[in-house]
Amino acid sequence: MSETNEGVLYVVATPIGNLEDLSARAARVLGEVDRIAAEDTRHTQRLLRHLGIERPLVSLHEHNEAARAEWLRERLAAGERLALVSDAGTPLISDPGFVLVRELRRSGFRVVPVPGACALVAALSVAGLPTDRFLFEGFLPAKSAARRRQLEADAERTETRVFYESPHRIRDLLADLEATLGARRVVLARELTKTFETLLEGTPDELLARMAADPDQTRGEFVVMVAGAEPAERAADTAEGEALIAAMLAEGVGVKSAAAVATKVLGGRRKQWYQLALAQQSDAY
């Protein structure tokens, strides 16, 4: 292997769907290393069969990574050349590998990236949202309360926010986005590089309506991209907002409904409008 020394780990990006996205370099490296550490050996075996490659495989996933790192370190110390792959895309990006890479670098071993497909980068490149700065948050908590807390904690950040989400939780995430961030622009990238690759765009409520009308739009793995906060969203106590909410409360509109209307008309975060409406209602008594 012309560009390597012995005792090196290659971090190899693999396709996220379309097998043609595997680079020639990645295919060569996978064919020449002594051993491949894979998130799911069965999944990786299918890729290797497609490439006509036979190499020993060892599993490395979130449940065994710490223990496996020491064993792989010993293999490198013995002069082996190893590759690390995940099920799809670039290892370590919401996938296992951080512990292994950290420990090997601390031990003085060479770790070499073999770049390629990454769902995060692919989605951002076609979303039409600002990409000069973005905040990647991976998978949000599975429980709604914890998920909303995280969404709310960074609600005022102006960068594009990016998440990964599974098909069985995508509707719940959209509902929580509506509750915490209001009518923000959201772009969903689904099934990237695959046959049914789709980009959907709209507010969380609009996207939920689209999924209700076409349940097929909930299938596949998602990259969820959310527009950052506009400067005006940081203060829900603007004169225009105060006047709108006061008028609605005077006409008997409930606090929750008033907050929802203000979010639709003026943007911003529903929670802020709700708190303002509560304050106005309390002042009226």
C-alpha atoms as a PDB file:
ATOM      1  CA  MET A   1       0.000   0.000   0.000  1.00  0.00           C
ATOM      2  CA  SER A   2       2.029   2.891  -1.339  1.00  0.00           C
ATOM      3  CA  GLU A   3       0.799   5.701   0.889  1.00  0.00           C
ATOM      4  CA  THR A   4       0.795   3.869   4.202  1.00  0.00           C
ATOM      5  CA  ASN A   5       3.048   2.843   7.003  1.00  0.00           C
ATOM      6  CA  GLU A   6       2.423  -0.268   9.047  1.00  0.00           C
ATOM      7  CA  GLY A   7       0.333   0.157  12.154  1.00  0.00           C
ATOM      8  CA  VAL A   8      -2.150   2.615  10.632  1.00  0.00           C
ATOM      9  CA  LEU A   9      -5.916   2.968  10.947  1.00  0.00           C
ATOM     10  CA  TYR A  10      -7.908   4.191   7.951  1.00  0.00           C
ATOM     11  CA  VAL A  11     -11.248   5.848   8.702  1.00  0.00           C
ATOM     12  CA  VAL A  12     -13.155   5.013   5.529  1.00  0.00           C
ATOM     13  CA  ALA A  13     -16.391   6.649   4.390  1.00  0.00           C
ATOM     14  CA  THR A  14     -18.817   4.270   2.679  1.00  0.00           C
ATOM     15  CA  PRO A  15     -21.934   4.994   0.586  1.00  0.00           C
ATOM     16  CA  ILE A  16     -25.115   6.219   2.272  1.00  0.00           C
ATOM     17  CA  GLY A  17     -27.193   4.573  -0.439  1.00  0.00           C
ATOM     18  CA  ASN A  18     -25.785   4.671  -3.957  1.00  0.00           C
ATOM     19  CA  LEU A  19     -22.852   2.264  -4.182  1.00  0.00           C
ATOM     20  CA  GLU A  20     -21.301   4.348  -6.961  1.00  0.00           C
ATOM     21  CA  ASP A  21     -20.436   6.964  -4.321  1.00  0.00           C
ATOM     22  CA  LEU A  22     -17.664   4.781  -2.907  1.00  0.00           C
ATOM     23  CA  SER A  23     -14.384   6.338  -3.991  1.00  0.00           C
ATOM     24  CA  ALA A  24     -11.732   4.382  -5.864  1.00  0.00           C
ATOM     25  CA  ARG A  25      -9.334   5.086  -3.004  1.00  0.00           C
ATOM     26  CA  ALA A  26     -11.776   3.720  -0.417  1.00  0.00           C
ATOM     27  CA  ALA A  27     -12.256   0.523  -2.439  1.00  0.00           C
ATOM     28  CA  ARG A  28      -8.485   0.097  -2.747  1.00  0.00           C
ATOM     29  CA  VAL A  29      -7.868   0.655   0.956  1.00  0.00           C
ATOM     30  CA  LEU A  30     -10.601  -1.813   1.957  1.00  0.00           C
ATOM     31  CA  GLY A  31      -9.034  -4.387  -0.334  1.00  0.00           C
ATOM     32  CA  GLU A  32      -5.504  -3.935   1.025  1.00  0.00           C
ATOM     33  CA  VAL A  33      -5.851  -3.598   4.815  1.00  0.00           C
ATOM     34  CA  ASP A  34      -5.320  -6.589   7.054  1.00  0.00           C
ATOM     35  CA  ARG A  35      -8.615  -6.250   8.908  1.00  0.00           C
ATOM     36  CA  ILE A  36     -11.795  -4.125   8.868  1.00  0.00           C
ATOM     37  CA  ALA A  37     -13.612  -2.938  12.006  1.00  0.00           C
ATOM     38  CA  ALA A  38     -17.286  -2.528  11.142  1.00  0.00           C
ATOM     39  CA  GLU A  39     -20.364  -1.273  12.971  1.00  0.00           C
ATOM     40  CA  ASP A  40     -22.348  -4.224  11.573  1.00  0.00           C
ATOM     41  CA  THR A  41     -20.223  -6.943  10.013  1.00  0.00           C
ATOM     42  CA  ARG A  42     -23.180  -8.376   8.081  1.00  0.00           C
ATOM     43  CA  HIS A  43     -23.877  -5.022   6.460  1.00  0.00           C
ATOM     44  CA  THR A  44     -20.230  -4.475   5.592  1.00  0.00           C
ATOM     45  CA  GLN A  45     -19.904  -8.019   4.236  1.00  0.00           C
ATOM     46  CA  ARG A  46     -22.557  -7.203   1.632  1.00  0.00           C
ATOM     47  CA  LEU A  47     -20.538  -4.166   0.518  1.00  0.00           C
ATOM     48  CA  LEU A  48     -17.350  -6.213   0.330  1.00  0.00           C
ATOM     49  CA  ARG A  49     -19.078  -8.899  -1.741  1.00  0.00           C
ATOM     50  CA  HIS A  50     -20.230  -6.189  -4.154  1.00  0.00           C
ATOM     51  CA  LEU A  51     -16.605  -5.043  -4.455  1.00  0.00           C
ATOM     52  CA  GLY A  52     -15.249  -8.577  -4.763  1.00  0.00           C
ATOM     53  CA  ILE A  53     -13.190  -8.148  -1.584  1.00  0.00           C
ATOM     54  CA  GLU A  54     -12.531 -10.708   1.124  1.00  0.00           C
ATOM     55  CA  ARG A  55     -11.082  -9.382   4.373  1.00  0.00           C
ATOM     56  CA  PRO A  56     -11.409 -10.392   8.046  1.00  0.00           C
ATOM     57  CA  LEU A  57     -14.095  -8.397   9.809  1.00  0.00           C
ATOM     58  CA  VAL A  58     -14.428  -7.485  13.473  1.00  0.00           C
ATOM     59  CA  SER A  59     -17.432  -5.755  15.020  1.00  0.00           C
ATOM     60  CA  LEU A  60     -17.065  -2.324  16.603  1.00  0.00           C
ATOM     61  CA  HIS A  61     -20.254  -0.685  17.851  1.00  0.00           C
ATOM     62  CA  GLU A  62     -21.427   1.515  20.701  1.00  0.00           C
ATOM     63  CA  HIS A  63     -21.715  -1.397  23.126  1.00  0.00           C
ATOM     64  CA  ASN A  64     -18.245  -2.889  22.658  1.00  0.00           C
ATOM     65  CA  GLU A  65     -16.096  -0.016  21.426  1.00  0.00           C
ATOM     66  CA  ALA A  66     -14.163   0.620  24.642  1.00  0.00           C
ATOM     67  CA  ALA A  67     -13.163  -3.030  25.001  1.00  0.00           C
ATOM     68  CA  ARG A  68     -12.510  -3.474  21.293  1.00  0.00           C
ATOM     69  CA  ALA A  69     -10.240  -0.417  21.123  1.00  0.00           C
ATOM     70  CA  GLU A  70      -7.562  -2.111  23.230  1.00  0.00           C
ATOM     71  CA  TRP A  71      -7.640  -5.247  21.094  1.00  0.00           C
ATOM     72  CA  LEU A  72      -7.319  -3.200  17.897  1.00  0.00           C
ATOM     73  CA  ARG A  73      -4.484  -1.196  19.428  1.00  0.00           C
ATOM     74  CA  GLU A  74      -2.633  -4.462  19.935  1.00  0.00           C
ATOM     75  CA  ARG A  75      -3.210  -5.370  16.289  1.00  0.00           C
ATOM     76  CA  LEU A  76      -1.710  -2.059  15.197  1.00  0.00           C
ATOM     77  CA  ALA A  77       1.229  -2.565  17.544  1.00  0.00           C
ATOM     78  CA  ALA A  78       1.803  -5.889  15.782  1.00  0.00           C
ATOM     79  CA  GLY A  79       2.040  -4.025  12.478  1.00  0.00           C
ATOM     80  CA  GLU A  80      -1.432  -4.583  11.059  1.00  0.00           C
ATOM     81  CA  ARG A  81      -3.137  -2.030   8.857  1.00  0.00           C
ATOM     82  CA  LEU A  82      -6.790  -1.583   9.759  1.00  0.00           C
ATOM     83  CA  ALA A  83      -9.856   0.127   8.314  1.00  0.00           C
ATOM     84  CA  LEU A  84     -12.814   1.490  10.275  1.00  0.00           C
ATOM     85  CA  VAL A  85     -16.230   1.712   8.593  1.00  0.00           C
ATOM     86  CA  SER A  86     -19.766   2.404   9.779  1.00  0.00           C
ATOM     87  CA  ASP A  87     -22.982   1.099   8.240  1.00  0.00           C
ATOM     88  CA  ALA A  88     -23.197   4.123   5.944  1.00  0.00           C
ATOM     89  CA  GLY A  89     -21.399   7.413   5.489  1.00  0.00           C
ATOM     90  CA  THR A  90     -18.450   8.742   7.452  1.00  0.00           C
ATOM     91  CA  PRO A  91     -17.536   6.958  10.705  1.00  0.00           C
ATOM     92  CA  LEU A  92     -17.778   8.947  13.964  1.00  0.00           C
ATOM     93  CA  ILE A  93     -20.484  11.279  12.574  1.00  0.00           C
ATOM     94  CA  SER A  94     -23.297  10.069  14.862  1.00  0.00           C
ATOM     95  CA  ASP A  95     -21.682   6.647  14.550  1.00  0.00           C
ATOM     96  CA  PRO A  96     -19.150   4.671  16.613  1.00  0.00           C
ATOM     97  CA  GLY A  97     -15.414   5.271  16.365  1.00  0.00           C
ATOM     98  CA  PHE A  98     -14.595   8.264  18.575  1.00  0.00           C
ATOM     99  CA  VAL A  99     -13.247   6.182  21.456  1.00  0.00           C
ATOM    100  CA  LEU A 100     -11.104   4.084  19.115  1.00  0.00           C
ATOM    101  CA  VAL A 101      -9.650   7.068  17.251  1.00  0.00           C
ATOM    102  CA  ARG A 102      -8.967   8.960  20.471  1.00  0.00           C
ATOM    103  CA  GLU A 103      -7.157   6.031  22.077  1.00  0.00           C
ATOM    104  CA  LEU A 104      -5.090   5.230  19.004  1.00  0.00           C
ATOM    105  CA  ARG A 105      -3.997   8.833  18.555  1.00  0.00           C
ATOM    106  CA  ARG A 106      -3.076   9.034  22.233  1.00  0.00           C
ATOM    107  CA  SER A 107      -0.963   5.919  21.728  1.00  0.00           C
ATOM    108  CA  GLY A 108       0.869   7.546  18.846  1.00  0.00           C
ATOM    109  CA  PHE A 109      -0.618   5.556  15.969  1.00  0.00           C
ATOM    110  CA  ARG A 110      -1.339   7.130  12.625  1.00  0.00           C
ATOM    111  CA  VAL A 111      -5.038   7.646  11.819  1.00  0.00           C
ATOM    112  CA  VAL A 112      -5.788   8.481   8.183  1.00  0.00           C
ATOM    113  CA  PRO A 113      -9.125   9.782   6.807  1.00  0.00           C
ATOM    114  CA  VAL A 114     -10.445   8.361   3.549  1.00  0.00           C
ATOM    115  CA  PRO A 115     -13.250  10.857   2.883  1.00  0.00           C
ATOM    116  CA  GLY A 116     -16.460  10.266   1.012  1.00  0.00           C
ATOM    117  CA  ALA A 117     -20.210  10.220   1.548  1.00  0.00           C
ATOM    118  CA  CYS A 118     -21.766  11.946   4.575  1.00  0.00           C
ATOM    119  CA  ALA A 119     -25.518  12.464   4.903  1.00  0.00           C
ATOM    120  CA  LEU A 120     -25.030  15.690   6.858  1.00  0.00           C
ATOM    121  CA  VAL A 121     -22.918  17.350   4.155  1.00  0.00           C
ATOM    122  CA  ALA A 122     -24.971  15.957   1.274  1.00  0.00           C
ATOM    123  CA  ALA A 123     -28.200  17.307   2.753  1.00  0.00           C
ATOM    124  CA  LEU A 124     -26.808  20.760   3.524  1.00  0.00           C
ATOM    125  CA  SER A 125     -25.447  21.082   0.000  1.00  0.00           C
ATOM    126  CA  VAL A 126     -28.937  20.965  -1.526  1.00  0.00           C
ATOM    127  CA  ALA A 127     -31.171  22.414   1.227  1.00  0.00           C
ATOM    128  CA  GLY A 128     -30.956  26.075   0.273  1.00  0.00           C
ATOM    129  CA  LEU A 129     -30.309  27.067   3.890  1.00  0.00           C
ATOM    130  CA  PRO A 130     -27.246  29.054   5.048  1.00  0.00           C
ATOM    131  CA  THR A 131     -24.187  26.817   5.328  1.00  0.00           C
ATOM    132  CA  ASP A 132     -21.494  29.334   6.312  1.00  0.00           C
ATOM    133  CA  ARG A 133     -22.208  28.303   9.906  1.00  0.00           C
ATOM    134  CA  PHE A 134     -24.323  25.398  11.134  1.00  0.00           C
ATOM    135  CA  LEU A 135     -24.935  23.440  14.330  1.00  0.00           C
ATOM    136  CA  PHE A 136     -25.017  19.656  13.971  1.00  0.00           C
ATOM    137  CA  GLU A 137     -26.797  17.997  16.901  1.00  0.00           C
ATOM    138  CA  GLY A 138     -27.032  14.410  15.688  1.00  0.00           C
ATOM    139  CA  PHE A 139     -29.948  12.422  17.094  1.00  0.00           C
ATOM    140  CA  LEU A 140     -32.101  14.267  19.616  1.00  0.00           C
ATOM    141  CA  PRO A 141     -33.370  12.506  22.776  1.00  0.00           C
ATOM    142  CA  ALA A 142     -36.067   9.904  22.214  1.00  0.00           C
ATOM    143  CA  LYS A 143     -38.429  11.354  24.848  1.00  0.00           C
ATOM    144  CA  SER A 144     -40.433  14.427  23.911  1.00  0.00           C
ATOM    145  CA  ALA A 145     -39.742  16.376  27.121  1.00  0.00           C
ATOM    146  CA  ALA A 146     -35.973  16.007  26.793  1.00  0.00           C
ATOM    147  CA  ARG A 147     -36.157  16.689  23.075  1.00  0.00           C
ATOM    148  CA  ARG A 148     -38.061  19.927  23.633  1.00  0.00           C
ATOM    149  CA  ARG A 149     -35.578  21.053  26.272  1.00  0.00           C
ATOM    150  CA  GLN A 150     -32.714  20.666  23.821  1.00  0.00           C
ATOM    151  CA  LEU A 151     -34.600  22.418  21.037  1.00  0.00           C
ATOM    152  CA  GLU A 152     -35.492  25.266  23.376  1.00  0.00           C
ATOM    153  CA  ALA A 153     -31.959  25.588  24.765  1.00  0.00           C
ATOM    154  CA  ASP A 154     -30.555  26.634  21.383  1.00  0.00           C
ATOM    155  CA  ALA A 155     -33.679  28.278  19.999  1.00  0.00           C
ATOM    156  CA  GLU A 156     -32.089  31.720  19.635  1.00  0.00           C
ATOM    157  CA  ARG A 157     -29.014  30.554  17.736  1.00  0.00           C
ATOM    158  CA  THR A 158     -28.838  32.007  14.243  1.00  0.00           C
ATOM    159  CA  GLU A 159     -27.026  29.088  12.593  1.00  0.00           C
ATOM    160  CA  THR A 160     -28.814  26.437  10.579  1.00  0.00           C
ATOM    161  CA  ARG A 161     -29.473  23.520  12.928  1.00  0.00           C
ATOM    162  CA  VAL A 162     -29.136  19.958  11.658  1.00  0.00           C
ATOM    163  CA  PHE A 163     -30.443  16.720  13.165  1.00  0.00           C
ATOM    164  CA  TYR A 164     -30.676  13.071  12.193  1.00  0.00           C
ATOM    165  CA  GLU A 165     -34.002  11.344  12.789  1.00  0.00           C
ATOM    166  CA  SER A 166     -35.564   7.929  12.263  1.00  0.00           C
ATOM    167  CA  PRO A 167     -38.828   7.340  10.400  1.00  0.00           C
ATOM    168  CA  HIS A 168     -40.795   6.302  13.487  1.00  0.00           C
ATOM    169  CA  ARG A 169     -40.001   9.569  15.321  1.00  0.00           C
ATOM    170  CA  ILE A 170     -40.037  12.130  12.515  1.00  0.00           C
ATOM    171  CA  ARG A 171     -43.634  13.251  13.187  1.00  0.00           C
ATOM    172  CA  ASP A 172     -42.950  13.647  16.900  1.00  0.00           C
ATOM    173  CA  LEU A 173     -39.890  15.750  16.129  1.00  0.00           C
ATOM    174  CA  LEU A 174     -41.861  18.007  13.799  1.00  0.00           C
ATOM    175  CA  ALA A 175     -44.544  18.458  16.466  1.00  0.00           C
ATOM    176  CA  ASP A 176     -41.882  19.443  18.985  1.00  0.00           C
ATOM    177  CA  LEU A 177     -40.281  21.835  16.492  1.00  0.00           C
ATOM    178  CA  GLU A 178     -43.654  23.536  16.051  1.00  0.00           C
ATOM    179  CA  ALA A 179     -44.158  23.769  19.797  1.00  0.00           C
ATOM    180  CA  THR A 180     -40.710  25.184  20.559  1.00  0.00           C
ATOM    181  CA  LEU A 181     -39.623  27.114  17.456  1.00  0.00           C
ATOM    182  CA  GLY A 182     -42.896  27.968  15.755  1.00  0.00           C
ATOM    183  CA  ALA A 183     -43.111  28.550  12.024  1.00  0.00           C
ATOM    184  CA  ARG A 184     -39.431  28.147  11.221  1.00  0.00           C
ATOM    185  CA  ARG A 185     -38.381  27.011   7.775  1.00  0.00           C
ATOM    186  CA  VAL A 186     -37.528  23.303   7.854  1.00  0.00           C
ATOM    187  CA  VAL A 187     -36.009  21.175   5.099  1.00  0.00           C
ATOM    188  CA  LEU A 188     -36.231  17.380   5.327  1.00  0.00           C
ATOM    189  CA  ALA A 189     -33.826  15.257   3.278  1.00  0.00           C
ATOM    190  CA  ARG A 190     -35.090  11.690   3.021  1.00  0.00           C
ATOM    191  CA  GLU A 191     -33.472   8.597   1.506  1.00  0.00           C
ATOM    192  CA  LEU A 192     -30.479  10.545   0.174  1.00  0.00           C
ATOM    193  CA  THR A 193     -28.820   9.013  -2.937  1.00  0.00           C
ATOM    194  CA  LYS A 194     -31.430   6.244  -3.017  1.00  0.00           C
ATOM    195  CA  THR A 195     -34.289   5.581  -5.433  1.00  0.00           C
ATOM    196  CA  PHE A 196     -36.857   7.575  -3.451  1.00  0.00           C
ATOM    197  CA  GLU A 197     -34.613  10.492  -2.503  1.00  0.00           C
ATOM    198  CA  THR A 198     -36.859  13.417  -1.527  1.00  0.00           C
ATOM    199  CA  LEU A 199     -36.457  16.940  -0.190  1.00  0.00           C
ATOM    200  CA  LEU A 200     -39.469  18.463   1.570  1.00  0.00           C
ATOM    201  CA  GLU A 201     -39.635  22.069   2.716  1.00  0.00           C
ATOM    202  CA  GLY A 202     -42.058  24.066   4.840  1.00  0.00           C
ATOM    203  CA  THR A 203     -43.023  24.906   8.386  1.00  0.00           C
ATOM    204  CA  PRO A 204     -43.352  22.000  10.821  1.00  0.00           C
ATOM    205  CA  ASP A 205     -47.138  22.148  10.565  1.00  0.00           C
ATOM    206  CA  GLU A 206     -47.005  22.136   6.763  1.00  0.00           C
ATOM    207  CA  LEU A 207     -44.691  19.151   6.739  1.00  0.00           C
ATOM    208  CA  LEU A 208     -46.915  17.258   9.167  1.00  0.00           C
ATOM    209  CA  ALA A 209     -49.877  17.921   6.880  1.00  0.00           C
ATOM    210  CA  ARG A 210     -47.852  16.643   3.921  1.00  0.00           C
ATOM    211  CA  MET A 211     -47.071  13.435   5.784  1.00  0.00           C
ATOM    212  CA  ALA A 212     -50.688  12.990   6.826  1.00  0.00           C
ATOM    213  CA  ALA A 213     -51.697  13.225   3.179  1.00  0.00           C
ATOM    214  CA  ASP A 214     -48.894  10.927   1.996  1.00  0.00           C
ATOM    215  CA  PRO A 215     -47.629   8.484   4.678  1.00  0.00           C
ATOM    216  CA  ASP A 216     -44.858   7.344   2.320  1.00  0.00           C
ATOM    217  CA  GLN A 217     -43.105  10.625   3.173  1.00  0.00           C
ATOM    218  CA  THR A 218     -42.373   9.270   6.653  1.00  0.00           C
ATOM    219  CA  ARG A 219     -40.270   6.392   5.330  1.00  0.00           C
ATOM    220  CA  GLY A 220     -36.487   6.247   5.369  1.00  0.00           C
ATOM    221  CA  GLU A 221     -33.807   7.975   7.403  1.00  0.00           C
ATOM    222  CA  PHE A 222     -34.013  11.759   7.688  1.00  0.00           C
ATOM    223  CA  VAL A 223     -31.654  14.699   7.835  1.00  0.00           C
ATOM    224  CA  VAL A 224     -33.661  17.523   9.411  1.00  0.00           C
ATOM    225  CA  MET A 225     -32.413  21.066   8.762  1.00  0.00           C
ATOM    226  CA  VAL A 226     -33.961  24.018  10.580  1.00  0.00           C
ATOM    227  CA  ALA A 227     -33.414  27.685   9.743  1.00  0.00           C
ATOM    228  CA  GLY A 228     -31.672  29.681  12.444  1.00  0.00           C
ATOM    229  CA  ALA A 229     -33.403  32.393  14.438  1.00  0.00           C
ATOM    230  CA  GLU A 230     -33.796  35.796  12.871  1.00  0.00           C
ATOM    231  CA  PRO A 231     -32.652  38.693  15.069  1.00  0.00           C
ATOM    232  CA  ALA A 232     -36.248  39.851  15.416  1.00  0.00           C
ATOM    233  CA  GLU A 233     -37.181  36.502  16.961  1.00  0.00           C
ATOM    234  CA  ARG A 234     -35.133  37.214  20.052  1.00  0.00           C
ATOM    235  CA  ALA A 235     -37.653  39.644  21.493  1.00  0.00           C
ATOM    236  CA  ALA A 236     -41.281  38.632  21.556  1.00  0.00           C
ATOM    237  CA  ASP A 237     -42.259  41.814  23.395  1.00  0.00           C
ATOM    238  CA  THR A 238     -42.239  44.052  20.312  1.00  0.00           C
ATOM    239  CA  ALA A 239     -44.857  46.753  20.066  1.00  0.00           C
ATOM    240  CA  GLU A 240     -46.504  44.993  17.133  1.00  0.00           C
ATOM    241  CA  GLY A 241     -46.710  41.718  19.012  1.00  0.00           C
ATOM    242  CA  GLU A 242     -48.055  43.346  22.156  1.00  0.00           C
ATOM    243  CA  ALA A 243     -50.751  45.125  20.173  1.00  0.00           C
ATOM    244  CA  LEU A 244     -51.785  41.998  18.284  1.00  0.00           C
ATOM    245  CA  ILE A 245     -52.051  39.862  21.403  1.00  0.00           C
ATOM    246  CA  ALA A 246     -53.851  42.583  23.346  1.00  0.00           C
ATOM    247  CA  ALA A 247     -56.440  42.871  20.577  1.00  0.00           C
ATOM    248  CA  MET A 248     -57.035  39.129  20.490  1.00  0.00           C
ATOM    249  CA  LEU A 249     -57.354  38.852  24.265  1.00  0.00           C
ATOM    250  CA  ALA A 250     -59.832  41.737  24.233  1.00  0.00           C
ATOM    251  CA  GLU A 251     -61.968  39.783  21.764  1.00  0.00           C
ATOM    252  CA  GLY A 252     -62.002  36.748  24.020  1.00  0.00           C
ATOM    253  CA  VAL A 253     -59.335  34.702  22.232  1.00  0.00           C
ATOM    254  CA  GLY A 254     -57.596  32.320  24.622  1.00  0.00           C
ATOM    255  CA  VAL A 255     -53.943  32.686  25.568  1.00  0.00           C
ATOM    256  CA  LYS A 256     -52.861  29.544  23.716  1.00  0.00           C
ATOM    257  CA  SER A 257     -54.700  30.515  20.545  1.00  0.00           C
ATOM    258  CA  ALA A 258     -53.383  34.072  20.712  1.00  0.00           C
ATOM    259  CA  ALA A 259     -49.829  32.752  20.946  1.00  0.00           C
ATOM    260  CA  ALA A 260     -50.399  30.459  17.974  1.00  0.00           C
ATOM    261  CA  VAL A 261     -51.758  33.309  15.835  1.00  0.00           C
ATOM    262  CA  ALA A 262     -48.870  35.608  16.788  1.00  0.00           C
ATOM    263  CA  THR A 263     -46.397  32.900  15.817  1.00  0.00           C
ATOM    264  CA  LYS A 264     -48.054  32.447  12.435  1.00  0.00           C
ATOM    265  CA  VAL A 265     -48.305  36.176  11.703  1.00  0.00           C
ATOM    266  CA  LEU A 266     -45.074  37.522  13.160  1.00  0.00           C
ATOM    267  CA  GLY A 267     -42.817  34.469  13.397  1.00  0.00           C
ATOM    268  CA  GLY A 268     -40.683  33.864  16.432  1.00  0.00           C
ATOM    269  CA  ARG A 269     -41.184  31.264  19.114  1.00  0.00           C
ATOM    270  CA  ARG A 270     -44.609  30.242  20.303  1.00  0.00           C
ATOM    271  CA  LYS A 271     -43.383  29.931  23.899  1.00  0.00           C
ATOM    272  CA  GLN A 272     -42.353  33.587  23.964  1.00  0.00           C
ATOM    273  CA  TRP A 273     -45.702  34.738  22.591  1.00  0.00           C
ATOM    274  CA  TYR A 274     -47.493  32.482  25.074  1.00  0.00           C
ATOM    275  CA  GLN A 275     -45.578  34.002  27.991  1.00  0.00           C
ATOM    276  CA  LEU A 276     -46.354  37.506  26.741  1.00  0.00           C
ATOM    277  CA  ALA A 277     -50.050  36.668  26.405  1.00  0.00           C
ATOM    278  CA  LEU A 278     -50.086  35.252  29.919  1.00  0.00           C
ATOM    279  CA  ALA A 279     -48.495  38.423  31.241  1.00  0.00           C
ATOM    280  CA  GLN A 280     -51.037  40.607  29.445  1.00  0.00           C
ATOM    281  CA  GLN A 281     -53.897  38.468  30.694  1.00  0.00           C
ATOM    282  CA  SER A 282     -52.628  38.767  34.280  1.00  0.00           C
ATOM    283  CA  ASP A 283     -52.308  42.539  33.944  1.00  0.00           C
ATOM    284  CA  ALA A 284     -55.942  42.732  32.834  1.00  0.00           C
ATOM    285  CA  TYR A 285     -57.160  41.358  36.174  1.00  0.00           C
END
